[in-house]
Amino acid sequence: MELALTLSRRAIGLSEPNPRVGCVITDPAGRLLGAGHTQQAGGPHAEVMALRDARARGHGEAALAGAHVYVTLEPCAHHGRTPPCCEALAAARVGRVHLALLDPNPLVAGKGRAHLEAAGITCEQGLGAVEAREINIGFLSRMVRSRPYVRMKIAASLDGRTALPDGRSQWITGPGARQDGQWWRQRASAILTGLGTVRDDDPRLDLRLPGTEAPPLQPLRVIVDSRLQTPANARILQPPGRVLLVHAGHPSTTPWPEGVETLALPAGLKAGLPAGQSLNAPTVAQVELSNGPQVDLPALLAELGRRGVNELHVEAGATLNGALLRAGLVDELLLYLAPTLLGEGRGMAALGLLPELAAAPRFDWLETRPVDGDLRLRLRRPGLGF
């Protein structure tokens, strides 16, 4: 199962919107027969890749009969762009399947295991479950809550400042922390920022992975811009990758570059989707981003979930950070603290005046780790429910 988990990590940045799955096939004595991981959406799943690998190694049907399978997520049981993996395993007459997690996808949700057991295959569940959950936490979130897992990344000084009073912030943390942040971008299906960050920093917010042979798949870049004031020549709007400009119903005649889509999601409605469409969004929370038009952030997350976004990576300023935190939409904080003090400067999140301490957003500690002279902290909101 450790090898299967390792293989599933290779699907990060590759398999979205599908889950990241690894599969290993051994004989009953534990000797490796084949292994594989999920490919790009529409391509083979991990179980099929492992079966192909076993056959390519010269292991025929006699060797596969009675084999043991270790897979990090329940084999799928539905006909989509690929046939059901549970049928492929049953056809190979494997003897035992160890699955880390059941798949909460309503199209699967125990059906894969039931199909295998009906074929006389013994199934065991739970081995490697903790790590498998971490690897697929975004997919699990989208299946259970119909919205992505939201990870907010902030780089700050020891006294919690993200920039000087005039907005200059390059660079508070060192190159090691910035490169580490690229790995977290790779996990994400989309990156979210706000107009203020676009104006102040003119970031690309693209994925840059030095040393990779092929250009990485670029996450969708999402800009919350109530009045559609993003400059048309902003670097974030340029290729590679697609951009979604989310506004509060503000008309615009700006000729946006190719690959840029605008979407109206005004607060107080169930959200601006393409004309004539509706969205089963959660009860709308009025999230004020500025004095003026408001964007419906809960509806935005629901829309991103509908588009297949599993993990949403937030790199924004204090205003949007505060709005997301006040609405209870942040699942994880990814903090990089530099060993420096800025004194006066811009804070991490504009939470406003809290009526009492009990109203403060609270998180549980996940990890504390040094990164090239800086400190990386990870915290998670309790009670996610999956």
Protein backbone atom coordinates (compact mmCIF):
# COMPACT_ATOMS: atom_id res chain seq x y z
CA MET A 1 0.00 0.00 0.00
CA GLU A 2 2.92 2.37 0.60
CA LEU A 3 3.91 1.97 -3.04
CA ALA A 4 0.31 2.55 -4.14
CA LEU A 5 0.21 5.78 -2.11
CA THR A 6 3.50 6.90 -3.65
CA LEU A 7 2.12 6.23 -7.12
CA SER A 8 -1.08 8.15 -6.34
CA ARG A 9 1.02 11.26 -5.62
CA ARG A 10 2.31 11.07 -9.19
CA ALA A 11 -1.23 11.84 -10.34
CA ILE A 12 -1.14 15.24 -8.59
CA GLY A 13 -1.55 17.88 -11.26
CA LEU A 14 -2.45 15.20 -13.81
CA SER A 15 -5.72 13.43 -13.02
CA GLU A 16 -8.07 16.31 -12.14
CA PRO A 17 -11.02 16.32 -11.86
CA ASN A 18 -10.62 12.60 -11.21
CA PRO A 19 -9.14 11.42 -7.90
CA ARG A 20 -5.43 10.65 -7.50
CA VAL A 21 -5.27 6.89 -7.27
CA GLY A 22 -2.40 4.42 -7.14
CA CYS A 23 -2.68 0.66 -7.59
CA VAL A 24 -0.23 -2.19 -6.99
CA ILE A 25 -0.76 -5.87 -7.84
CA THR A 26 1.25 -8.62 -6.14
CA ASP A 27 1.13 -12.38 -5.99
CA PRO A 28 -0.07 -13.89 -2.68
CA ALA A 29 3.55 -14.00 -1.48
CA GLY A 30 3.92 -10.25 -1.98
CA ARG A 31 6.02 -10.27 -5.16
CA LEU A 32 5.27 -7.31 -7.45
CA LEU A 33 3.32 -8.11 -10.61
CA GLY A 34 2.29 -4.64 -11.80
CA ALA A 35 1.65 -1.06 -10.69
CA GLY A 36 0.18 2.17 -12.02
CA HIS A 37 -1.61 5.42 -11.26
CA THR A 38 -4.50 7.40 -12.71
CA GLN A 39 -3.77 9.20 -15.99
CA GLN A 40 -5.30 12.39 -17.37
CA ALA A 41 -9.09 12.64 -17.32
CA GLY A 42 -10.47 10.32 -19.97
CA GLY A 43 -7.37 8.12 -19.76
CA PRO A 44 -6.92 4.82 -17.96
CA HIS A 45 -7.46 4.59 -14.21
CA ALA A 46 -4.90 3.21 -11.79
CA GLU A 47 -6.27 -0.34 -11.74
CA VAL A 48 -6.20 -0.64 -15.53
CA MET A 49 -2.67 0.79 -15.64
CA ALA A 50 -1.55 -1.78 -13.05
CA LEU A 51 -3.13 -4.64 -15.00
CA ARG A 52 -1.47 -3.43 -18.20
CA ASP A 53 1.86 -3.16 -16.42
CA ALA A 54 1.54 -6.70 -15.08
CA ARG A 55 0.81 -8.09 -18.53
CA ALA A 56 3.65 -6.05 -20.05
CA ARG A 57 5.98 -7.67 -17.51
CA GLY A 58 4.94 -11.07 -18.83
CA HIS A 59 2.44 -12.00 -16.12
CA GLY A 60 -0.48 -13.68 -17.83
CA GLU A 61 -3.96 -14.51 -16.65
CA ALA A 62 -2.73 -17.45 -14.60
CA ALA A 63 -0.48 -15.16 -12.57
CA LEU A 64 -3.22 -12.55 -12.09
CA ALA A 65 -5.77 -15.11 -10.91
CA GLY A 66 -5.76 -14.99 -7.13
CA ALA A 67 -3.45 -11.94 -7.04
CA HIS A 68 -3.64 -9.30 -4.32
CA VAL A 69 -4.52 -5.73 -5.29
CA TYR A 70 -3.67 -2.64 -3.23
CA VAL A 71 -5.55 0.46 -4.35
CA THR A 72 -5.86 3.83 -2.61
CA LEU A 73 -9.54 4.39 -3.51
CA GLU A 74 -12.46 2.07 -4.16
CA PRO A 75 -12.47 0.92 -7.81
CA CYS A 76 -15.06 2.77 -9.86
CA ALA A 77 -18.31 1.02 -10.77
CA HIS A 78 -19.80 3.25 -13.47
CA HIS A 79 -19.43 3.69 -17.21
CA GLY A 80 -17.98 7.14 -17.90
CA ARG A 81 -15.20 7.96 -20.32
CA THR A 82 -13.61 4.67 -19.20
CA PRO A 83 -15.17 1.29 -18.30
CA PRO A 84 -15.63 0.33 -14.62
CA CYS A 85 -12.38 -0.68 -12.93
CA CYS A 86 -14.17 -3.18 -10.71
CA GLU A 87 -15.16 -5.12 -13.83
CA ALA A 88 -11.56 -5.17 -15.06
CA LEU A 89 -10.37 -6.58 -11.73
CA ALA A 90 -13.16 -9.14 -11.64
CA ALA A 91 -12.37 -10.22 -15.20
CA ALA A 92 -8.74 -10.75 -14.19
CA ARG A 93 -10.00 -13.01 -11.35
CA VAL A 94 -7.85 -11.37 -8.69
CA GLY A 95 -8.24 -12.93 -5.28
CA ARG A 96 -8.14 -10.05 -2.80
CA VAL A 97 -8.47 -6.26 -2.96
CA HIS A 98 -7.13 -3.97 -0.22
CA LEU A 99 -8.73 -0.55 -0.65
CA ALA A 100 -7.76 2.43 1.49
CA LEU A 101 -11.00 4.42 1.17
CA LEU A 102 -14.51 4.00 -0.14
CA ASP A 103 -15.27 6.44 -2.95
CA PRO A 104 -17.97 8.94 -1.83
CA ASN A 105 -18.88 9.67 -5.46
CA PRO A 106 -22.60 8.79 -5.65
CA LEU A 107 -21.86 6.86 -8.84
CA VAL A 108 -19.57 4.55 -6.83
CA ALA A 109 -20.16 4.81 -3.05
CA GLY A 110 -19.73 1.13 -2.20
CA LYS A 111 -20.87 -0.23 -5.55
CA GLY A 112 -17.32 -1.05 -6.64
CA ARG A 113 -16.67 -3.09 -3.52
CA ALA A 114 -20.06 -4.79 -3.82
CA HIS A 115 -19.32 -5.80 -7.43
CA LEU A 116 -15.97 -7.29 -6.43
CA GLU A 117 -17.46 -9.22 -3.52
CA ALA A 118 -20.26 -10.50 -5.74
CA ALA A 119 -17.54 -11.88 -8.01
CA GLY A 120 -16.08 -13.80 -5.06
CA ILE A 121 -13.19 -11.39 -4.43
CA THR A 122 -12.31 -10.69 -0.80
CA CYS A 123 -12.21 -6.95 -0.02
CA GLU A 124 -10.51 -5.30 2.94
CA GLN A 125 -10.78 -1.60 3.68
CA GLY A 126 -8.77 0.89 5.74
CA LEU A 127 -5.10 0.16 5.07
CA GLY A 128 -3.43 3.50 4.28
CA ALA A 129 -6.68 5.43 4.79
CA VAL A 130 -5.17 8.44 6.60
CA GLU A 131 -2.62 9.18 3.89
CA ALA A 132 -5.08 8.40 1.10
CA ARG A 133 -7.49 10.97 2.55
CA GLU A 134 -4.79 13.65 2.57
CA ILE A 135 -3.86 12.95 -1.04
CA ASN A 136 -7.48 13.15 -2.19
CA ILE A 137 -8.89 15.64 0.29
CA GLY A 138 -10.03 17.95 -2.50
CA PHE A 139 -11.88 15.22 -4.37
CA LEU A 140 -13.52 14.07 -1.14
CA SER A 141 -14.60 17.65 -0.42
CA ARG A 142 -16.19 18.05 -3.84
CA MET A 143 -18.03 14.74 -3.59
CA VAL A 144 -19.32 15.31 -0.04
CA ARG A 145 -19.82 19.10 0.05
CA SER A 146 -20.14 19.94 -3.66
CA ARG A 147 -17.34 22.47 -3.31
CA PRO A 148 -13.54 22.39 -3.40
CA TYR A 149 -11.20 22.14 -0.44
CA VAL A 150 -9.95 25.68 0.18
CA ARG A 151 -6.32 26.20 1.14
CA MET A 152 -5.23 29.78 1.88
CA LYS A 153 -1.54 30.53 1.44
CA ILE A 154 -0.04 33.55 3.22
CA ALA A 155 3.58 34.70 3.41
CA ALA A 156 4.19 37.01 6.35
CA SER A 157 6.67 38.38 8.85
CA LEU A 158 6.81 37.18 12.44
CA ASP A 159 4.48 40.00 13.44
CA GLY A 160 1.91 38.95 10.85
CA ARG A 161 2.59 41.56 8.17
CA THR A 162 2.27 40.59 4.53
CA ALA A 163 3.56 43.83 3.02
CA LEU A 164 4.82 47.30 3.83
CA PRO A 165 2.17 50.03 4.21
CA ASP A 166 2.60 50.97 0.52
CA GLY A 167 1.94 47.36 -0.56
CA ARG A 168 5.50 46.27 -1.37
CA SER A 169 5.99 42.62 -0.46
CA GLN A 170 8.69 41.17 -2.74
CA TRP A 171 10.15 39.32 -1.08
CA ILE A 172 9.28 38.65 2.56
CA THR A 173 10.14 34.95 2.43
CA GLY A 174 13.11 33.31 0.73
CA PRO A 175 13.37 31.40 -2.55
CA GLY A 176 12.92 28.03 -0.82
CA ALA A 177 9.52 29.02 0.56
CA ARG A 178 8.47 30.43 -2.80
CA GLN A 179 9.44 27.22 -4.59
CA ASP A 180 7.63 25.18 -1.93
CA GLY A 181 4.56 27.26 -2.70
CA GLN A 182 4.74 26.10 -6.31
CA TRP A 183 4.22 22.52 -5.13
CA TRP A 184 1.00 23.56 -3.39
CA ARG A 185 -0.13 25.36 -6.53
CA GLN A 186 0.41 22.11 -8.40
CA ARG A 187 -2.06 20.37 -6.07
CA ALA A 188 -4.75 22.90 -6.94
CA SER A 189 -7.27 22.78 -9.76
CA ALA A 190 -7.71 26.56 -9.43
CA ILE A 191 -5.93 29.55 -7.87
CA LEU A 192 -8.02 32.38 -6.41
CA THR A 193 -6.97 35.99 -5.95
CA GLY A 194 -8.53 39.45 -5.78
CA LEU A 195 -8.33 42.69 -7.71
CA GLY A 196 -6.13 44.31 -5.06
CA THR A 197 -3.41 41.69 -5.45
CA VAL A 198 -3.58 41.95 -9.24
CA ARG A 199 -3.15 45.72 -9.06
CA ASP A 200 -0.46 45.78 -6.38
CA ASP A 201 1.73 42.87 -7.47
CA ASP A 202 0.74 42.15 -11.10
CA PRO A 203 1.35 38.42 -10.47
CA ARG A 204 1.16 35.67 -13.06
CA LEU A 205 -0.07 33.09 -10.52
CA ASP A 206 0.88 30.35 -12.93
CA LEU A 207 2.57 27.07 -12.16
CA ARG A 208 6.33 26.95 -12.66
CA LEU A 209 8.13 23.69 -11.96
CA PRO A 210 11.83 23.84 -12.86
CA GLY A 211 13.32 20.61 -14.15
CA THR A 212 10.10 19.12 -15.51
CA GLU A 213 10.25 17.70 -19.03
CA ALA A 214 6.83 18.90 -20.14
CA PRO A 215 5.00 22.16 -19.34
CA PRO A 216 2.74 21.52 -16.33
CA LEU A 217 -1.03 21.62 -16.58
CA GLN A 218 -1.98 25.13 -15.51
CA PRO A 219 -4.66 25.58 -12.83
CA LEU A 220 -7.62 27.80 -13.62
CA ARG A 221 -6.86 31.31 -12.34
CA VAL A 222 -9.86 32.98 -10.68
CA ILE A 223 -10.03 36.71 -9.93
CA VAL A 224 -12.69 38.18 -7.64
CA ASP A 225 -13.26 41.62 -9.17
CA SER A 226 -16.66 43.08 -8.27
CA ARG A 227 -16.60 45.88 -10.87
CA LEU A 228 -14.44 44.24 -13.58
CA GLN A 229 -11.57 46.69 -13.07
CA THR A 230 -8.75 44.24 -13.80
CA PRO A 231 -6.38 45.84 -16.34
CA ALA A 232 -6.66 44.08 -19.68
CA ASN A 233 -2.85 43.92 -19.87
CA ALA A 234 -2.42 42.32 -16.42
CA ARG A 235 0.07 39.45 -16.49
CA ILE A 236 -2.43 37.08 -14.86
CA LEU A 237 -4.64 37.33 -17.96
CA GLN A 238 -1.91 36.16 -20.29
CA PRO A 239 -1.27 32.56 -21.39
CA PRO A 240 -0.66 29.84 -20.45
CA GLY A 241 -3.88 28.69 -18.84
CA ARG A 242 -7.44 29.94 -18.49
CA VAL A 243 -8.77 32.80 -16.37
CA LEU A 244 -12.18 33.31 -14.75
CA LEU A 245 -13.10 36.90 -13.82
CA VAL A 246 -15.86 36.83 -11.21
CA HIS A 247 -17.84 40.03 -10.76
CA ALA A 248 -21.03 41.31 -9.14
CA GLY A 249 -23.03 41.88 -12.30
CA HIS A 250 -21.05 44.89 -13.52
CA PRO A 251 -21.28 45.53 -17.28
CA SER A 252 -18.01 45.78 -19.15
CA THR A 253 -16.94 46.55 -22.70
CA THR A 254 -13.31 45.59 -22.09
CA PRO A 255 -11.92 43.36 -24.86
CA TRP A 256 -10.50 40.63 -22.64
CA PRO A 257 -7.67 38.45 -23.97
CA GLU A 258 -8.42 35.01 -25.37
CA GLY A 259 -8.92 32.43 -22.63
CA VAL A 260 -10.54 34.91 -20.21
CA GLU A 261 -14.13 34.22 -19.13
CA THR A 262 -16.32 36.55 -17.08
CA LEU A 263 -18.96 35.29 -14.66
CA ALA A 264 -21.51 37.31 -12.68
CA LEU A 265 -22.06 36.07 -9.11
CA PRO A 266 -23.78 38.92 -7.28
CA ALA A 267 -24.42 38.40 -3.59
CA GLY A 268 -28.05 37.93 -2.69
CA LEU A 269 -28.77 35.71 -5.71
CA LYS A 270 -28.20 32.03 -6.32
CA ALA A 271 -25.62 33.08 -8.73
CA GLY A 272 -24.82 34.20 -12.15
CA LEU A 273 -24.30 31.46 -14.23
CA PRO A 274 -24.66 31.51 -17.95
CA ALA A 275 -28.08 32.96 -18.83
CA GLY A 276 -30.97 30.63 -18.19
CA GLN A 277 -29.03 28.27 -15.93
CA SER A 278 -29.37 27.85 -12.18
CA LEU A 279 -27.07 26.52 -9.51
CA ASN A 280 -27.96 24.50 -6.44
CA ALA A 281 -25.90 26.82 -4.26
CA PRO A 282 -25.93 26.84 -0.46
CA THR A 283 -27.80 29.57 1.38
CA VAL A 284 -26.11 32.77 0.34
CA ALA A 285 -23.98 34.62 2.88
CA GLN A 286 -23.59 38.33 2.25
CA VAL A 287 -19.84 38.67 1.93
CA GLU A 288 -18.77 42.29 1.65
CA LEU A 289 -15.54 42.72 -0.26
CA SER A 290 -15.71 46.52 -0.45
CA ASN A 291 -18.14 49.38 -0.14
CA GLY A 292 -20.18 48.59 -3.18
CA PRO A 293 -21.06 45.53 -5.25
CA GLN A 294 -20.55 42.22 -3.57
CA VAL A 295 -19.51 38.85 -4.96
CA ASP A 296 -21.21 35.76 -3.55
CA LEU A 297 -18.29 33.66 -2.33
CA PRO A 298 -20.26 30.56 -1.25
CA ALA A 299 -21.86 30.47 -4.69
CA LEU A 300 -18.43 30.86 -6.28
CA LEU A 301 -17.19 27.76 -4.45
CA ALA A 302 -20.29 25.85 -5.53
CA GLU A 303 -19.73 26.92 -9.13
CA LEU A 304 -16.08 25.85 -9.00
CA GLY A 305 -17.20 22.49 -7.62
CA ARG A 306 -19.61 22.15 -10.52
CA ARG A 307 -16.67 22.77 -12.86
CA GLY A 308 -14.69 19.94 -11.28
CA VAL A 309 -12.33 21.98 -9.10
CA ASN A 310 -11.13 19.74 -6.26
CA GLU A 311 -8.62 21.98 -4.47
CA LEU A 312 -8.73 25.78 -4.50
CA HIS A 313 -5.48 27.57 -3.66
CA VAL A 314 -5.95 31.13 -2.40
CA GLU A 315 -3.21 33.74 -2.83
CA ALA A 316 -4.90 37.03 -2.08
CA GLY A 317 -4.75 40.14 0.06
CA ALA A 318 -6.24 40.96 3.43
CA THR A 319 -9.67 41.94 2.07
CA LEU A 320 -10.48 38.73 0.22
CA ASN A 321 -8.72 36.62 2.87
CA GLY A 322 -10.87 38.21 5.55
CA ALA A 323 -14.08 37.71 3.58
CA LEU A 324 -13.36 34.02 3.07
CA LEU A 325 -12.44 33.52 6.72
CA ARG A 326 -15.49 35.40 8.02
CA ALA A 327 -17.73 33.24 5.83
CA GLY A 328 -16.15 30.04 7.21
CA LEU A 329 -14.99 28.96 3.76
CA VAL A 330 -11.29 28.34 4.49
CA ASP A 331 -10.42 24.72 5.24
CA GLU A 332 -6.65 25.07 5.61
CA LEU A 333 -4.12 27.81 6.30
CA LEU A 334 -0.69 27.47 4.70
CA LEU A 335 1.51 30.07 6.38
CA TYR A 336 5.12 30.90 5.56
CA LEU A 337 6.68 33.01 8.30
CA ALA A 338 9.94 34.85 7.70
CA PRO A 339 12.30 35.59 10.63
CA THR A 340 11.79 39.32 10.32
CA LEU A 341 9.63 42.09 11.79
CA LEU A 342 7.94 44.71 9.62
CA GLY A 343 6.19 46.77 12.28
CA GLU A 344 3.65 48.90 10.47
CA GLY A 345 2.32 47.14 7.42
CA ARG A 346 -0.55 45.22 5.91
CA GLY A 347 -2.05 42.33 7.84
CA MET A 348 -2.98 38.78 6.85
CA ALA A 349 -6.76 39.16 6.87
CA ALA A 350 -9.26 41.97 7.37
CA LEU A 351 -11.59 40.26 9.82
CA GLY A 352 -13.16 43.45 11.11
CA LEU A 353 -14.14 44.00 14.73
CA LEU A 354 -14.95 40.67 16.40
CA PRO A 355 -17.71 40.88 19.03
CA GLU A 356 -15.94 38.34 21.25
CA LEU A 357 -13.07 35.86 21.23
CA ALA A 358 -15.45 32.98 20.58
CA ALA A 359 -16.21 34.51 17.17
CA ALA A 360 -12.59 34.22 16.03
CA PRO A 361 -11.94 31.59 13.33
CA ARG A 362 -10.12 28.66 14.91
CA PHE A 363 -7.91 26.00 13.35
CA ASP A 364 -6.12 22.85 14.48
CA TRP A 365 -2.39 22.43 14.03
CA LEU A 366 -1.36 20.06 11.23
CA GLU A 367 2.34 20.65 10.68
CA THR A 368 5.26 22.91 11.52
CA ARG A 369 8.31 22.66 9.28
CA PRO A 370 11.37 24.82 8.49
CA VAL A 371 11.78 25.69 4.81
CA ASP A 372 15.10 27.24 3.80
CA GLY A 373 15.31 29.72 6.66
CA ASP A 374 11.57 30.35 6.90
CA LEU A 375 8.88 28.44 8.82
CA ARG A 376 5.94 26.68 7.18
CA LEU A 377 2.80 26.24 9.28
CA ARG A 378 -0.23 24.23 8.23
CA LEU A 379 -3.53 24.45 10.10
CA ARG A 380 -6.94 22.92 9.35
CA ARG A 381 -10.44 23.94 10.28
CA PRO A 382 -11.97 21.33 12.61
CA GLY A 383 -15.07 19.33 11.75
CA LEU A 384 -14.82 19.09 7.97
CA GLY A 385 -17.19 16.13 7.94
CA PHE A 386 -15.36 13.90 5.47
